[in-house]
């Protein structure tokens, strides 16, 4: 999963805008197929457990487990 994206800061993405944003990043199909995993714990990312995504040598995703969210704060 390699992405060539320009670094931009997003404060938040509304649920209605998630799929279009992922499509622009070239990640929509992977997301819908359950192929995107939390960078910290390895859980499959879904609409229900997505906490955030961020650029770190490619787009990384975090689930909403407290331990994973806390790790984002340290980045």
N, C-alpha and C. Protein backbone atom coordinates (compact mmCIF):
# COMPACT_ATOMS: atom_id res chain seq x y z
N UNK A 1 0.85 -1.18 0.00
CA UNK A 1 0.00 0.00 0.00
C UNK A 1 0.89 1.24 0.00
N UNK A 2 1.22 1.74 -1.15
CA UNK A 2 2.09 2.89 -1.27
C UNK A 2 1.27 4.06 -1.78
N UNK A 3 1.43 5.21 -1.14
CA UNK A 3 0.67 6.39 -1.52
C UNK A 3 1.61 7.54 -1.77
N UNK A 4 1.35 8.27 -2.80
CA UNK A 4 2.11 9.47 -3.10
C UNK A 4 1.18 10.65 -2.85
N UNK A 5 1.19 11.14 -1.63
CA UNK A 5 0.30 12.24 -1.28
C UNK A 5 1.12 13.41 -0.78
N UNK A 6 0.58 14.59 -0.97
CA UNK A 6 1.20 15.78 -0.44
C UNK A 6 0.77 15.93 1.01
N UNK A 7 1.69 16.34 1.85
CA UNK A 7 1.38 16.47 3.27
C UNK A 7 0.42 17.64 3.47
N UNK A 8 -0.71 17.33 4.07
CA UNK A 8 -1.71 18.33 4.40
C UNK A 8 -2.23 18.00 5.78
N UNK A 9 -2.64 19.04 6.50
CA UNK A 9 -3.20 18.81 7.81
C UNK A 9 -4.71 18.84 7.72
N UNK A 10 -5.34 17.81 8.25
CA UNK A 10 -6.79 17.74 8.34
C UNK A 10 -7.14 17.67 9.81
N UNK A 11 -8.01 18.56 10.26
CA UNK A 11 -8.41 18.52 11.66
C UNK A 11 -9.40 17.40 11.91
N UNK A 12 -10.30 17.16 10.95
CA UNK A 12 -11.28 16.09 11.09
C UNK A 12 -11.89 15.81 9.73
N UNK A 13 -12.49 14.64 9.62
CA UNK A 13 -13.23 14.27 8.43
C UNK A 13 -14.59 13.78 8.90
N UNK A 14 -15.63 14.37 8.40
CA UNK A 14 -16.99 13.95 8.74
C UNK A 14 -17.25 12.58 8.14
N UNK A 15 -18.08 11.78 8.80
CA UNK A 15 -18.40 10.44 8.31
C UNK A 15 -18.83 10.45 6.84
N UNK A 16 -19.61 11.45 6.44
CA UNK A 16 -20.08 11.52 5.06
C UNK A 16 -18.96 11.77 4.06
N UNK A 17 -17.85 12.31 4.54
CA UNK A 17 -16.73 12.64 3.67
C UNK A 17 -15.62 11.61 3.68
N UNK A 18 -15.73 10.58 4.53
CA UNK A 18 -14.64 9.63 4.68
C UNK A 18 -14.32 8.89 3.38
N UNK A 19 -15.30 8.31 2.74
CA UNK A 19 -15.03 7.55 1.52
C UNK A 19 -14.46 8.42 0.40
N UNK A 20 -14.98 9.63 0.17
CA UNK A 20 -14.34 10.47 -0.85
C UNK A 20 -12.88 10.83 -0.52
N UNK A 21 -12.60 11.06 0.75
CA UNK A 21 -11.21 11.36 1.14
C UNK A 21 -10.34 10.13 0.91
N UNK A 22 -10.82 8.96 1.33
CA UNK A 22 -10.05 7.74 1.11
C UNK A 22 -9.87 7.45 -0.37
N UNK A 23 -10.87 7.78 -1.17
CA UNK A 23 -10.75 7.59 -2.62
C UNK A 23 -9.65 8.48 -3.19
N UNK A 24 -9.60 9.74 -2.76
CA UNK A 24 -8.55 10.65 -3.21
C UNK A 24 -7.17 10.15 -2.82
N UNK A 25 -7.09 9.45 -1.69
CA UNK A 25 -5.81 8.92 -1.23
C UNK A 25 -5.50 7.56 -1.85
N UNK A 26 -6.44 7.03 -2.64
CA UNK A 26 -6.24 5.73 -3.26
C UNK A 26 -6.42 4.57 -2.29
N UNK A 27 -7.18 4.78 -1.21
CA UNK A 27 -7.34 3.77 -0.17
C UNK A 27 -8.77 3.29 0.02
N UNK A 28 -9.69 3.80 -0.77
CA UNK A 28 -11.10 3.45 -0.59
C UNK A 28 -11.34 1.96 -0.75
N UNK A 29 -10.83 1.37 -1.81
CA UNK A 29 -11.08 -0.05 -2.06
C UNK A 29 -10.47 -0.93 -0.97
N UNK A 30 -9.27 -0.58 -0.52
CA UNK A 30 -8.64 -1.33 0.57
C UNK A 30 -9.46 -1.22 1.85
N UNK A 31 -9.98 -0.03 2.12
CA UNK A 31 -10.80 0.18 3.31
C UNK A 31 -12.07 -0.66 3.24
N UNK A 32 -12.75 -0.61 2.11
CA UNK A 32 -14.00 -1.36 1.95
C UNK A 32 -13.77 -2.87 1.98
N UNK A 33 -12.59 -3.31 1.57
CA UNK A 33 -12.27 -4.74 1.56
C UNK A 33 -11.74 -5.23 2.91
N UNK A 34 -11.61 -4.33 3.89
CA UNK A 34 -11.12 -4.73 5.21
C UNK A 34 -9.62 -5.00 5.23
N UNK A 35 -8.89 -4.33 4.36
CA UNK A 35 -7.45 -4.56 4.26
C UNK A 35 -6.61 -3.53 4.99
N UNK A 36 -7.25 -2.54 5.57
CA UNK A 36 -6.51 -1.52 6.31
C UNK A 36 -6.56 -1.87 7.79
N UNK A 37 -5.37 -1.82 8.41
CA UNK A 37 -5.27 -2.22 9.81
C UNK A 37 -4.70 -1.10 10.66
N UNK A 38 -5.01 -1.15 11.93
CA UNK A 38 -4.46 -0.20 12.89
C UNK A 38 -2.95 -0.37 12.94
N UNK A 39 -2.24 0.71 12.82
CA UNK A 39 -0.78 0.66 12.82
C UNK A 39 -0.24 0.21 14.17
N UNK A 40 -1.01 0.35 15.23
CA UNK A 40 -0.53 0.02 16.56
C UNK A 40 -0.89 -1.40 17.01
N UNK A 41 -2.12 -1.84 16.76
CA UNK A 41 -2.54 -3.15 17.29
C UNK A 41 -2.86 -4.17 16.20
N UNK A 42 -3.01 -3.73 14.95
CA UNK A 42 -3.27 -4.65 13.86
C UNK A 42 -4.73 -4.99 13.61
N UNK A 43 -5.64 -4.42 14.40
CA UNK A 43 -7.07 -4.65 14.15
C UNK A 43 -7.48 -4.07 12.81
N UNK A 44 -8.41 -4.72 12.14
CA UNK A 44 -8.95 -4.20 10.88
C UNK A 44 -9.72 -2.92 11.19
N UNK A 45 -9.47 -1.88 10.40
CA UNK A 45 -10.14 -0.59 10.56
C UNK A 45 -11.48 -0.63 9.85
N UNK A 46 -12.53 -0.22 10.57
CA UNK A 46 -13.89 -0.14 10.04
C UNK A 46 -14.45 1.25 10.33
N UNK A 47 -15.63 1.52 9.79
CA UNK A 47 -16.31 2.78 10.13
C UNK A 47 -16.53 2.90 11.63
N UNK A 48 -16.78 1.78 12.27
CA UNK A 48 -17.12 1.79 13.69
C UNK A 48 -15.92 2.00 14.61
N UNK A 49 -14.72 1.57 14.19
CA UNK A 49 -13.59 1.69 15.11
C UNK A 49 -12.50 2.66 14.65
N UNK A 50 -12.70 3.36 13.55
CA UNK A 50 -11.70 4.31 13.06
C UNK A 50 -11.61 5.49 14.01
N UNK A 51 -10.42 5.71 14.52
CA UNK A 51 -10.19 6.89 15.36
C UNK A 51 -9.57 8.01 14.53
N UNK A 52 -8.50 7.68 13.81
CA UNK A 52 -7.83 8.71 13.02
C UNK A 52 -6.94 8.08 11.96
N UNK A 53 -6.52 8.92 11.04
CA UNK A 53 -5.49 8.53 10.09
C UNK A 53 -4.56 9.71 9.92
N UNK A 54 -3.30 9.40 9.63
CA UNK A 54 -2.27 10.42 9.61
C UNK A 54 -1.15 9.99 8.67
N UNK A 55 -0.33 10.95 8.27
CA UNK A 55 0.78 10.69 7.37
C UNK A 55 2.02 10.39 8.20
N UNK A 56 2.63 9.27 7.92
CA UNK A 56 3.87 8.88 8.59
C UNK A 56 4.58 7.91 7.63
N UNK A 57 5.25 8.47 6.62
CA UNK A 57 5.82 7.67 5.54
C UNK A 57 4.72 6.83 4.89
N UNK A 58 3.66 7.48 4.51
CA UNK A 58 2.45 6.85 3.98
C UNK A 58 1.32 7.08 4.97
N UNK A 59 0.13 6.80 4.56
CA UNK A 59 -1.03 7.01 5.43
C UNK A 59 -1.14 5.86 6.41
N UNK A 60 -1.22 6.18 7.69
CA UNK A 60 -1.38 5.20 8.75
C UNK A 60 -2.74 5.42 9.41
N UNK A 61 -3.31 4.36 9.94
CA UNK A 61 -4.62 4.42 10.57
C UNK A 61 -4.53 3.94 12.00
N UNK A 62 -5.40 4.48 12.85
CA UNK A 62 -5.49 4.04 14.23
C UNK A 62 -6.94 3.71 14.56
N UNK A 63 -7.11 2.63 15.32
CA UNK A 63 -8.44 2.29 15.82
C UNK A 63 -8.74 3.12 17.06
N UNK A 64 -9.90 2.92 17.62
CA UNK A 64 -10.33 3.74 18.76
C UNK A 64 -10.05 3.13 20.12
N UNK A 65 -9.24 2.07 20.18
CA UNK A 65 -8.85 1.54 21.48
C UNK A 65 -8.03 2.61 22.21
N UNK A 66 -8.27 2.75 23.50
CA UNK A 66 -7.58 3.78 24.28
C UNK A 66 -6.06 3.68 24.14
N UNK A 67 -5.52 2.48 24.20
CA UNK A 67 -4.07 2.31 24.11
C UNK A 67 -3.54 2.82 22.76
N UNK A 68 -4.30 2.62 21.70
CA UNK A 68 -3.87 3.08 20.37
C UNK A 68 -4.02 4.59 20.23
N UNK A 69 -5.11 5.13 20.74
CA UNK A 69 -5.31 6.59 20.70
C UNK A 69 -4.22 7.28 21.51
N UNK A 70 -3.86 6.72 22.65
CA UNK A 70 -2.79 7.30 23.47
C UNK A 70 -1.46 7.32 22.72
N UNK A 71 -1.22 6.31 21.89
CA UNK A 71 0.02 6.27 21.13
C UNK A 71 0.08 7.37 20.08
N UNK A 72 -1.08 7.74 19.54
CA UNK A 72 -1.11 8.84 18.57
C UNK A 72 -0.68 10.13 19.24
N UNK A 73 -1.12 10.33 20.46
CA UNK A 73 -0.76 11.56 21.19
C UNK A 73 0.73 11.71 21.37
N UNK A 74 1.47 10.59 21.36
CA UNK A 74 2.92 10.61 21.55
C UNK A 74 3.68 10.87 20.27
N UNK A 75 3.01 10.79 19.12
CA UNK A 75 3.67 10.99 17.82
C UNK A 75 3.90 12.45 17.55
